[in-house]
Amino acid sequence: MPKKENNNKTVLVTLVRSPIGYTKDQKATVLALGLRRMHQTVEHKDSPALRGMIRKVIHLVQVEE
């Protein structure tokens, strides 16, 4: 059985490029991250699902740990 980690790490995600002109799934990923406007920063708990979302739109966002 895998160990349960007490993962209280957070990640700051900032939208630095507009998703206009990119595919619908990338636009939906940006919205799912909670990013609505340029230079908006949101804080999320670090998880594998979040990392996958960030990896999909890494060209549009800036990530700080």
Protein backbone atom coordinates (compact mmCIF):
# COMPACT_ATOMS: atom_id res chain seq x y z
CA MET A 1 0.00 0.00 0.00
CA PRO A 2 1.48 3.41 -0.97
CA LYS A 3 2.39 5.87 1.73
CA LYS A 4 0.10 8.82 2.21
CA GLU A 5 2.09 11.99 2.07
CA ASN A 6 1.12 15.06 4.03
CA ASN A 7 1.46 17.26 0.98
CA ASN A 8 0.74 20.84 2.00
CA LYS A 9 2.75 22.34 -0.85
CA THR A 10 1.10 24.96 -2.98
CA VAL A 11 1.78 26.14 -6.50
CA LEU A 12 1.19 29.65 -7.85
CA VAL A 13 0.04 29.69 -11.48
CA THR A 14 -0.04 32.94 -13.47
CA LEU A 15 -1.50 33.41 -16.95
CA VAL A 16 1.17 35.20 -19.01
CA ARG A 17 -0.03 34.55 -22.56
CA SER A 18 -3.53 34.72 -23.98
CA PRO A 19 -5.21 31.42 -24.89
CA ILE A 20 -6.81 33.09 -27.94
CA GLY A 21 -5.78 31.18 -31.03
CA TYR A 22 -5.15 27.90 -29.18
CA THR A 23 -7.31 24.79 -29.16
CA LYS A 24 -10.55 24.48 -27.19
CA ASP A 25 -9.08 21.93 -24.81
CA GLN A 26 -6.22 24.28 -23.91
CA LYS A 27 -8.66 27.14 -23.33
CA ALA A 28 -10.77 24.84 -21.14
CA THR A 29 -7.69 23.83 -19.16
CA VAL A 30 -6.81 27.47 -18.49
CA LEU A 31 -10.37 28.09 -17.25
CA ALA A 32 -10.27 24.92 -15.13
CA LEU A 33 -7.13 26.26 -13.46
CA GLY A 34 -9.21 29.29 -12.45
CA LEU A 35 -7.44 31.74 -14.72
CA ARG A 36 -9.84 34.25 -16.26
CA ARG A 37 -7.67 37.21 -17.26
CA MET A 38 -4.08 38.02 -18.14
CA HIS A 39 -1.57 38.26 -15.27
CA GLN A 40 -4.04 36.72 -12.84
CA THR A 41 -2.41 34.45 -10.27
CA VAL A 42 -4.13 31.55 -8.51
CA GLU A 43 -2.88 29.24 -5.79
CA HIS A 44 -3.49 25.49 -5.95
CA LYS A 45 -2.49 22.50 -3.86
CA ASP A 46 0.20 20.51 -5.61
CA SER A 47 -1.07 17.21 -7.04
CA PRO A 48 -0.36 14.97 -10.03
CA ALA A 49 -3.63 16.08 -11.68
CA LEU A 50 -2.64 19.73 -11.33
CA ARG A 51 0.81 19.01 -12.74
CA GLY A 52 -0.79 17.39 -15.79
CA MET A 53 -2.99 20.41 -16.38
CA ILE A 54 -0.02 22.75 -16.08
CA ARG A 55 2.04 20.62 -18.46
CA LYS A 56 -0.71 20.90 -21.06
CA VAL A 57 -0.62 24.72 -21.07
CA ILE A 58 2.95 25.37 -19.91
CA HIS A 59 3.46 27.71 -22.89
CA LEU A 60 0.69 29.99 -21.56
CA VAL A 61 1.43 30.06 -17.82
CA GLN A 62 4.20 30.79 -15.35
CA VAL A 63 4.56 28.45 -12.36
CA GLU A 64 6.10 29.27 -8.97
CA GLU A 65 6.46 26.65 -6.27
